[in-house]
Amino acid sequence: FDLFLDINFKKIKFKEIFNTNSILFELIK
């Protein structure tokens, strides 16, 4: 298993990047 993903946002909300309740953080936890 190997994944490469390149994501480009025109705009992104700062709080969403570091939201500890996001799906990404839940997956990490």
PDB file of all heavy atoms in Angstrom:
ATOM      1  N   PHE A   1       0.836  -1.192   0.000  1.00  0.00           N
ATOM      2  CA  PHE A   1       0.000   0.000   0.000  1.00  0.00           C
ATOM      3  C   PHE A   1       0.875   1.247   0.000  1.00  0.00           C
ATOM      4  O   PHE A   1       1.738   1.434   0.846  1.00  0.00           O
ATOM      5  CB  PHE A   1      -0.936   0.035   1.211  1.00  0.00           C
ATOM      6  CG  PHE A   1      -1.887   1.196   1.141  1.00  0.00           C
ATOM      7  CD1 PHE A   1      -3.071   1.081   0.448  1.00  0.00           C
ATOM      8  CD2 PHE A   1      -1.563   2.408   1.733  1.00  0.00           C
ATOM      9  CE1 PHE A   1      -3.946   2.160   0.356  1.00  0.00           C
ATOM     10  CE2 PHE A   1      -2.428   3.491   1.646  1.00  0.00           C
ATOM     11  CZ  PHE A   1      -3.622   3.361   0.951  1.00  0.00           C
ATOM     12  N   ASP A   2       0.627   2.113  -0.981  1.00  0.00           N
ATOM     13  CA  ASP A   2       1.372   3.360  -1.106  1.00  0.00           C
ATOM     14  C   ASP A   2       0.430   4.393  -1.721  1.00  0.00           C
ATOM     15  O   ASP A   2      -0.230   4.112  -2.716  1.00  0.00           O
ATOM     16  CB  ASP A   2       2.597   3.146  -2.011  1.00  0.00           C
ATOM     17  CG  ASP A   2       3.482   4.367  -2.077  1.00  0.00           C
ATOM     18  OD1 ASP A   2       3.646   5.045  -1.044  1.00  0.00           O
ATOM     19  OD2 ASP A   2       4.004   4.652  -3.168  1.00  0.00           O
ATOM     20  N   LEU A   3       0.372   5.568  -1.122  1.00  0.00           N
ATOM     21  CA  LEU A   3      -0.534   6.617  -1.578  1.00  0.00           C
ATOM     22  C   LEU A   3       0.249   7.899  -1.795  1.00  0.00           C
ATOM     23  O   LEU A   3       1.053   8.297  -0.953  1.00  0.00           O
ATOM     24  CB  LEU A   3      -1.628   6.862  -0.531  1.00  0.00           C
ATOM     25  CG  LEU A   3      -2.516   8.093  -0.728  1.00  0.00           C
ATOM     26  CD1 LEU A   3      -3.443   7.901  -1.911  1.00  0.00           C
ATOM     27  CD2 LEU A   3      -3.312   8.374   0.537  1.00  0.00           C
ATOM     28  N   PHE A   4       0.005   8.538  -2.917  1.00  0.00           N
ATOM     29  CA  PHE A   4       0.499   9.892  -3.171  1.00  0.00           C
ATOM     30  C   PHE A   4      -0.718  10.740  -3.502  1.00  0.00           C
ATOM     31  O   PHE A   4      -1.515  10.378  -4.371  1.00  0.00           O
ATOM     32  CB  PHE A   4       1.492   9.936  -4.335  1.00  0.00           C
ATOM     33  CG  PHE A   4       1.807  11.350  -4.738  1.00  0.00           C
ATOM     34  CD1 PHE A   4       2.676  12.117  -3.992  1.00  0.00           C
ATOM     35  CD2 PHE A   4       1.188  11.919  -5.842  1.00  0.00           C
ATOM     36  CE1 PHE A   4       2.938  13.438  -4.344  1.00  0.00           C
ATOM     37  CE2 PHE A   4       1.441  13.236  -6.206  1.00  0.00           C
ATOM     38  CZ  PHE A   4       2.324  13.990  -5.455  1.00  0.00           C
ATOM     39  N   LEU A   5      -0.855  11.869  -2.806  1.00  0.00           N
ATOM     40  CA  LEU A   5      -1.994  12.747  -3.033  1.00  0.00           C
ATOM     41  C   LEU A   5      -1.521  14.190  -2.962  1.00  0.00           C
ATOM     42  O   LEU A   5      -0.840  14.583  -2.006  1.00  0.00           O
ATOM     43  CB  LEU A   5      -3.071  12.487  -1.974  1.00  0.00           C
ATOM     44  CG  LEU A   5      -4.430  13.145  -2.140  1.00  0.00           C
ATOM     45  CD1 LEU A   5      -5.066  12.804  -3.474  1.00  0.00           C
ATOM     46  CD2 LEU A   5      -5.342  12.725  -1.000  1.00  0.00           C
ATOM     47  N   ASP A   6      -1.842  14.950  -3.978  1.00  0.00           N
ATOM     48  CA  ASP A   6      -1.487  16.367  -4.052  1.00  0.00           C
ATOM     49  C   ASP A   6      -2.794  17.147  -4.118  1.00  0.00           C
ATOM     50  O   ASP A   6      -3.548  17.024  -5.092  1.00  0.00           O
ATOM     51  CB  ASP A   6      -0.632  16.609  -5.301  1.00  0.00           C
ATOM     52  CG  ASP A   6       0.060  17.948  -5.294  1.00  0.00           C
ATOM     53  OD1 ASP A   6       0.087  18.610  -4.236  1.00  0.00           O
ATOM     54  OD2 ASP A   6       0.571  18.346  -6.356  1.00  0.00           O
ATOM     55  N   ILE A   7      -3.084  17.950  -3.077  1.00  0.00           N
ATOM     56  CA  ILE A   7      -4.343  18.682  -2.969  1.00  0.00           C
ATOM     57  C   ILE A   7      -4.038  20.174  -2.963  1.00  0.00           C
ATOM     58  O   ILE A   7      -3.210  20.635  -2.178  1.00  0.00           O
ATOM     59  CB  ILE A   7      -5.109  18.310  -1.683  1.00  0.00           C
ATOM     60  CG1 ILE A   7      -5.312  16.799  -1.588  1.00  0.00           C
ATOM     61  CG2 ILE A   7      -6.440  19.045  -1.623  1.00  0.00           C
ATOM     62  CD1 ILE A   7      -5.827  16.338  -0.242  1.00  0.00           C
ATOM     63  N   ASN A   8      -4.711  20.922  -3.838  1.00  0.00           N
ATOM     64  CA  ASN A   8      -4.520  22.373  -3.912  1.00  0.00           C
ATOM     65  C   ASN A   8      -5.847  23.070  -3.652  1.00  0.00           C
ATOM     66  O   ASN A   8      -6.830  22.815  -4.347  1.00  0.00           O
ATOM     67  CB  ASN A   8      -3.982  22.770  -5.287  1.00  0.00           C
ATOM     68  CG  ASN A   8      -2.597  22.222  -5.509  1.00  0.00           C
ATOM     69  OD1 ASN A   8      -1.662  22.620  -4.836  1.00  0.00           O
ATOM     70  ND2 ASN A   8      -2.466  21.296  -6.440  1.00  0.00           N
ATOM     71  N   PHE A   9      -5.854  23.921  -2.640  1.00  0.00           N
ATOM     72  CA  PHE A   9      -7.013  24.734  -2.303  1.00  0.00           C
ATOM     73  C   PHE A   9      -6.760  26.158  -2.777  1.00  0.00           C
ATOM     74  O   PHE A   9      -5.659  26.672  -2.613  1.00  0.00           O
ATOM     75  CB  PHE A   9      -7.230  24.800  -0.784  1.00  0.00           C
ATOM     76  CG  PHE A   9      -7.681  23.519  -0.160  1.00  0.00           C
ATOM     77  CD1 PHE A   9      -6.750  22.581   0.269  1.00  0.00           C
ATOM     78  CD2 PHE A   9      -9.021  23.260   0.036  1.00  0.00           C
ATOM     79  CE1 PHE A   9      -7.150  21.409   0.865  1.00  0.00           C
ATOM     80  CE2 PHE A   9      -9.431  22.089   0.632  1.00  0.00           C
ATOM     81  CZ  PHE A   9      -8.500  21.156   1.050  1.00  0.00           C
ATOM     82  N   LYS A  10      -7.762  26.786  -3.330  1.00  0.00           N
ATOM     83  CA  LYS A  10      -7.632  28.213  -3.607  1.00  0.00           C
ATOM     84  C   LYS A  10      -7.649  28.957  -2.279  1.00  0.00           C
ATOM     85  O   LYS A  10      -6.854  29.863  -2.051  1.00  0.00           O
ATOM     86  CB  LYS A  10      -8.765  28.685  -4.518  1.00  0.00           C
ATOM     87  CG  LYS A  10      -8.616  30.109  -4.949  1.00  0.00           C
ATOM     88  CD  LYS A  10      -9.650  30.499  -5.979  1.00  0.00           C
ATOM     89  CE  LYS A  10      -9.407  31.937  -6.419  1.00  0.00           C
ATOM     90  NZ  LYS A  10     -10.380  32.332  -7.432  1.00  0.00           N
ATOM     91  N   LYS A  11      -8.553  28.531  -1.385  1.00  0.00           N
ATOM     92  CA  LYS A  11      -8.674  29.100  -0.036  1.00  0.00           C
ATOM     93  C   LYS A  11      -8.939  27.962   0.922  1.00  0.00           C
ATOM     94  O   LYS A  11      -9.599  26.986   0.572  1.00  0.00           O
ATOM     95  CB  LYS A  11      -9.839  30.093   0.039  1.00  0.00           C
ATOM     96  CG  LYS A  11      -9.722  31.268  -0.880  1.00  0.00           C
ATOM     97  CD  LYS A  11     -10.959  32.137  -0.793  1.00  0.00           C
ATOM     98  CE  LYS A  11     -10.859  33.304  -1.774  1.00  0.00           C
ATOM     99  NZ  LYS A  11     -12.041  34.158  -1.712  1.00  0.00           N
ATOM    100  N   ILE A  12      -8.425  28.096   2.148  1.00  0.00           N
ATOM    101  CA  ILE A  12      -8.670  27.086   3.164  1.00  0.00           C
ATOM    102  C   ILE A  12      -8.869  27.787   4.505  1.00  0.00           C
ATOM    103  O   ILE A  12      -8.248  28.818   4.772  1.00  0.00           O
ATOM    104  CB  ILE A  12      -7.517  26.053   3.225  1.00  0.00           C
ATOM    105  CG1 ILE A  12      -7.910  24.845   4.050  1.00  0.00           C
ATOM    106  CG2 ILE A  12      -6.235  26.684   3.727  1.00  0.00           C
ATOM    107  CD1 ILE A  12      -6.959  23.666   3.874  1.00  0.00           C
ATOM    108  N   LYS A  13      -9.743  27.257   5.327  1.00  0.00           N
ATOM    109  CA  LYS A  13      -9.998  27.831   6.643  1.00  0.00           C
ATOM    110  C   LYS A  13      -8.975  27.288   7.635  1.00  0.00           C
ATOM    111  O   LYS A  13      -8.765  26.081   7.736  1.00  0.00           O
ATOM    112  CB  LYS A  13     -11.408  27.494   7.110  1.00  0.00           C
ATOM    113  CG  LYS A  13     -12.474  28.146   6.271  1.00  0.00           C
ATOM    114  CD  LYS A  13     -13.857  27.775   6.742  1.00  0.00           C
ATOM    115  CE  LYS A  13     -14.903  28.402   5.833  1.00  0.00           C
ATOM    116  NZ  LYS A  13     -16.251  27.926   6.150  1.00  0.00           N
ATOM    117  N   PHE A  14      -8.335  28.187   8.362  1.00  0.00           N
ATOM    118  CA  PHE A  14      -7.272  27.823   9.301  1.00  0.00           C
ATOM    119  C   PHE A  14      -7.774  26.834  10.356  1.00  0.00           C
ATOM    120  O   PHE A  14      -7.104  25.866  10.664  1.00  0.00           O
ATOM    121  CB  PHE A  14      -6.712  29.082   9.969  1.00  0.00           C
ATOM    122  CG  PHE A  14      -5.459  28.827  10.745  1.00  0.00           C
ATOM    123  CD1 PHE A  14      -4.247  28.681  10.083  1.00  0.00           C
ATOM    124  CD2 PHE A  14      -5.472  28.734  12.125  1.00  0.00           C
ATOM    125  CE1 PHE A  14      -3.076  28.455  10.779  1.00  0.00           C
ATOM    126  CE2 PHE A  14      -4.313  28.508  12.830  1.00  0.00           C
ATOM    127  CZ  PHE A  14      -3.105  28.361  12.159  1.00  0.00           C
ATOM    128  N   LYS A  15      -8.972  27.079  10.888  1.00  0.00           N
ATOM    129  CA  LYS A  15      -9.509  26.210  11.936  1.00  0.00           C
ATOM    130  C   LYS A  15      -9.733  24.790  11.437  1.00  0.00           C
ATOM    131  O   LYS A  15      -9.615  23.836  12.196  1.00  0.00           O
ATOM    132  CB  LYS A  15     -10.815  26.782  12.497  1.00  0.00           C
ATOM    133  CG  LYS A  15     -10.600  27.967  13.383  1.00  0.00           C
ATOM    134  CD  LYS A  15     -11.902  28.429  14.001  1.00  0.00           C
ATOM    135  CE  LYS A  15     -11.646  29.615  14.910  1.00  0.00           C
ATOM    136  NZ  LYS A  15     -12.862  30.068  15.575  1.00  0.00           N
ATOM    137  N   GLU A  16     -10.047  24.627  10.161  1.00  0.00           N
ATOM    138  CA  GLU A  16     -10.283  23.293   9.616  1.00  0.00           C
ATOM    139  C   GLU A  16      -8.990  22.501   9.477  1.00  0.00           C
ATOM    140  O   GLU A  16      -8.994  21.277   9.561  1.00  0.00           O
ATOM    141  CB  GLU A  16     -11.006  23.396   8.278  1.00  0.00           C
ATOM    142  CG  GLU A  16     -12.433  23.840   8.432  1.00  0.00           C
ATOM    143  CD  GLU A  16     -13.176  23.954   7.124  1.00  0.00           C
ATOM    144  OE1 GLU A  16     -12.623  23.557   6.080  1.00  0.00           O
ATOM    145  OE2 GLU A  16     -14.320  24.435   7.150  1.00  0.00           O
ATOM    146  N   ILE A  17      -7.875  23.186   9.262  1.00  0.00           N
ATOM    147  CA  ILE A  17      -6.592  22.503   9.119  1.00  0.00           C
ATOM    148  C   ILE A  17      -6.207  21.815  10.413  1.00  0.00           C
ATOM    149  O   ILE A  17      -5.755  20.670  10.428  1.00  0.00           O
ATOM    150  CB  ILE A  17      -5.478  23.498   8.729  1.00  0.00           C
ATOM    151  CG1 ILE A  17      -5.808  24.205   7.432  1.00  0.00           C
ATOM    152  CG2 ILE A  17      -4.132  22.791   8.632  1.00  0.00           C
ATOM    153  CD1 ILE A  17      -4.918  25.402   7.162  1.00  0.00           C
ATOM    154  N   PHE A  18      -6.374  22.522  11.514  1.00  0.00           N
ATOM    155  CA  PHE A  18      -5.906  22.024  12.802  1.00  0.00           C
ATOM    156  C   PHE A  18      -7.045  21.642  13.737  1.00  0.00           C
ATOM    157  O   PHE A  18      -6.886  21.626  14.949  1.00  0.00           O
ATOM    158  CB  PHE A  18      -4.992  23.066  13.453  1.00  0.00           C
ATOM    159  CG  PHE A  18      -3.782  23.361  12.608  1.00  0.00           C
ATOM    160  CD1 PHE A  18      -3.707  24.535  11.874  1.00  0.00           C
ATOM    161  CD2 PHE A  18      -2.749  22.447  12.511  1.00  0.00           C
ATOM    162  CE1 PHE A  18      -2.605  24.798  11.075  1.00  0.00           C
ATOM    163  CE2 PHE A  18      -1.647  22.700  11.718  1.00  0.00           C
ATOM    164  CZ  PHE A  18      -1.571  23.877  11.001  1.00  0.00           C
ATOM    165  N   ASN A  19      -8.202  21.304  13.181  1.00  0.00           N
ATOM    166  CA  ASN A  19      -9.347  20.870  13.976  1.00  0.00           C
ATOM    167  C   ASN A  19      -9.091  19.457  14.498  1.00  0.00           C
ATOM    168  O   ASN A  19      -9.033  18.498  13.731  1.00  0.00           O
ATOM    169  CB  ASN A  19     -10.621  20.912  13.119  1.00  0.00           C
ATOM    170  CG  ASN A  19     -11.843  20.475  13.869  1.00  0.00           C
ATOM    171  OD1 ASN A  19     -11.785  20.058  15.018  1.00  0.00           O
ATOM    172  ND2 ASN A  19     -12.983  20.565  13.214  1.00  0.00           N
ATOM    173  N   THR A  20      -8.929  19.330  15.804  1.00  0.00           N
ATOM    174  CA  THR A  20      -8.599  18.029  16.400  1.00  0.00           C
ATOM    175  C   THR A  20      -9.785  17.070  16.410  1.00  0.00           C
ATOM    176  O   THR A  20      -9.636  15.926  16.819  1.00  0.00           O
ATOM    177  CB  THR A  20      -8.043  18.195  17.829  1.00  0.00           C
ATOM    178  OG1 THR A  20      -8.998  18.907  18.625  1.00  0.00           O
ATOM    179  CG2 THR A  20      -6.726  18.945  17.810  1.00  0.00           C
ATOM    180  N   ASN A  21     -10.942  17.527  15.971  1.00  0.00           N
ATOM    181  CA  ASN A  21     -12.102  16.642  15.859  1.00  0.00           C
ATOM    182  C   ASN A  21     -12.375  16.239  14.412  1.00  0.00           C
ATOM    183  O   ASN A  21     -13.393  15.634  14.120  1.00  0.00           O
ATOM    184  CB  ASN A  21     -13.349  17.315  16.454  1.00  0.00           C
ATOM    185  CG  ASN A  21     -13.215  17.507  17.953  1.00  0.00           C
ATOM    186  OD1 ASN A  21     -12.701  16.643  18.648  1.00  0.00           O
ATOM    187  ND2 ASN A  21     -13.644  18.647  18.442  1.00  0.00           N
ATOM    188  N   SER A  22     -11.469  16.588  13.502  1.00  0.00           N
ATOM    189  CA  SER A  22     -11.652  16.257  12.089  1.00  0.00           C
ATOM    190  C   SER A  22     -11.451  14.758  11.857  1.00  0.00           C
ATOM    191  O   SER A  22     -10.913  14.040  12.703  1.00  0.00           O
ATOM    192  CB  SER A  22     -10.669  17.047  11.228  1.00  0.00           C
ATOM    193  OG  SER A  22      -9.351  16.577  11.447  1.00  0.00           O
ATOM    194  N   ILE A  23     -11.866  14.305  10.699  1.00  0.00           N
ATOM    195  CA  ILE A  23     -11.713  12.886  10.344  1.00  0.00           C
ATOM    196  C   ILE A  23     -10.242  12.489  10.358  1.00  0.00           C
ATOM    197  O   ILE A  23      -9.889  11.419  10.854  1.00  0.00           O
ATOM    198  CB  ILE A  23     -12.351  12.609   8.961  1.00  0.00           C
ATOM    199  CG1 ILE A  23     -13.866  12.796   9.039  1.00  0.00           C
ATOM    200  CG2 ILE A  23     -11.992  11.226   8.468  1.00  0.00           C
ATOM    201  CD1 ILE A  23     -14.566  12.760   7.702  1.00  0.00           C
ATOM    202  N   LEU A  24      -9.369  13.369   9.845  1.00  0.00           N
ATOM    203  CA  LEU A  24      -7.934  13.071   9.820  1.00  0.00           C
ATOM    204  C   LEU A  24      -7.391  12.868  11.231  1.00  0.00           C
ATOM    205  O   LEU A  24      -6.697  11.883  11.499  1.00  0.00           O
ATOM    206  CB  LEU A  24      -7.156  14.187   9.115  1.00  0.00           C
ATOM    207  CG  LEU A  24      -5.637  14.016   9.100  1.00  0.00           C
ATOM    208  CD1 LEU A  24      -5.227  12.741   8.367  1.00  0.00           C
ATOM    209  CD2 LEU A  24      -4.969  15.235   8.490  1.00  0.00           C
ATOM    210  N   PHE A  25      -7.710  13.775  12.150  1.00  0.00           N
ATOM    211  CA  PHE A  25      -7.217  13.630  13.515  1.00  0.00           C
ATOM    212  C   PHE A  25      -7.813  12.401  14.198  1.00  0.00           C
ATOM    213  O   PHE A  25      -7.139  11.723  14.969  1.00  0.00           O
ATOM    214  CB  PHE A  25      -7.477  14.898  14.336  1.00  0.00           C
ATOM    215  CG  PHE A  25      -6.372  15.894  14.237  1.00  0.00           C
ATOM    216  CD1 PHE A  25      -6.448  16.944  13.342  1.00  0.00           C
ATOM    217  CD2 PHE A  25      -5.236  15.787  15.029  1.00  0.00           C
ATOM    218  CE1 PHE A  25      -5.423  17.868  13.229  1.00  0.00           C
ATOM    219  CE2 PHE A  25      -4.208  16.701  14.939  1.00  0.00           C
ATOM    220  CZ  PHE A  25      -4.295  17.750  14.034  1.00  0.00           C
ATOM    221  N   GLU A  26      -9.082  12.108  13.935  1.00  0.00           N
ATOM    222  CA  GLU A  26      -9.685  10.906  14.520  1.00  0.00           C
ATOM    223  C   GLU A  26      -8.986   9.647  14.002  1.00  0.00           C
ATOM    224  O   GLU A  26      -8.762   8.700  14.752  1.00  0.00           O
ATOM    225  CB  GLU A  26     -11.186  10.849  14.220  1.00  0.00           C
ATOM    226  CG  GLU A  26     -11.997  11.893  14.973  1.00  0.00           C
ATOM    227  CD  GLU A  26     -11.894  11.770  16.488  1.00  0.00           C
ATOM    228  OE1 GLU A  26     -11.832  10.642  17.025  1.00  0.00           O
ATOM    229  OE2 GLU A  26     -11.871  12.836  17.146  1.00  0.00           O
ATOM    230  N   LEU A  27      -8.628   9.645  12.723  1.00  0.00           N
ATOM    231  CA  LEU A  27      -7.889   8.526  12.143  1.00  0.00           C
ATOM    232  C   LEU A  27      -6.507   8.404  12.781  1.00  0.00           C
ATOM    233  O   LEU A  27      -6.049   7.302  13.091  1.00  0.00           O
ATOM    234  CB  LEU A  27      -7.782   8.705  10.626  1.00  0.00           C
ATOM    235  CG  LEU A  27      -7.264   7.537   9.816  1.00  0.00           C
ATOM    236  CD1 LEU A  27      -8.115   6.294  10.023  1.00  0.00           C
ATOM    237  CD2 LEU A  27      -7.235   7.904   8.339  1.00  0.00           C
ATOM    238  N   ILE A  28      -5.843   9.542  13.003  1.00  0.00           N
ATOM    239  CA  ILE A  28      -4.532   9.523  13.659  1.00  0.00           C
ATOM    240  C   ILE A  28      -4.663   9.012  15.083  1.00  0.00           C
ATOM    241  O   ILE A  28      -3.893   8.166  15.533  1.00  0.00           O
ATOM    242  CB  ILE A  28      -3.889  10.928  13.624  1.00  0.00           C
ATOM    243  CG1 ILE A  28      -3.539  11.325  12.199  1.00  0.00           C
ATOM    244  CG2 ILE A  28      -2.638  10.957  14.504  1.00  0.00           C
ATOM    245  CD1 ILE A  28      -3.142  12.788  12.037  1.00  0.00           C
ATOM    246  N   LYS A  29      -5.667   9.520  15.827  1.00  0.00           N
ATOM    247  CA  LYS A  29      -5.879   9.106  17.217  1.00  0.00           C
ATOM    248  C   LYS A  29      -6.176   7.615  17.326  1.00  0.00           C
ATOM    249  O   LYS A  29      -5.845   6.982  18.324  1.00  0.00           O
ATOM    250  CB  LYS A  29      -7.034   9.897  17.841  1.00  0.00           C
ATOM    251  CG  LYS A  29      -6.733  11.344  18.102  1.00  0.00           C
ATOM    252  CD  LYS A  29      -7.980  12.014  18.681  1.00  0.00           C
ATOM    253  CE  LYS A  29      -7.962  13.495  18.499  1.00  0.00           C
ATOM    254  NZ  LYS A  29      -9.207  14.141  18.948  1.00  0.00           N
TER     255      LYS A  29
END
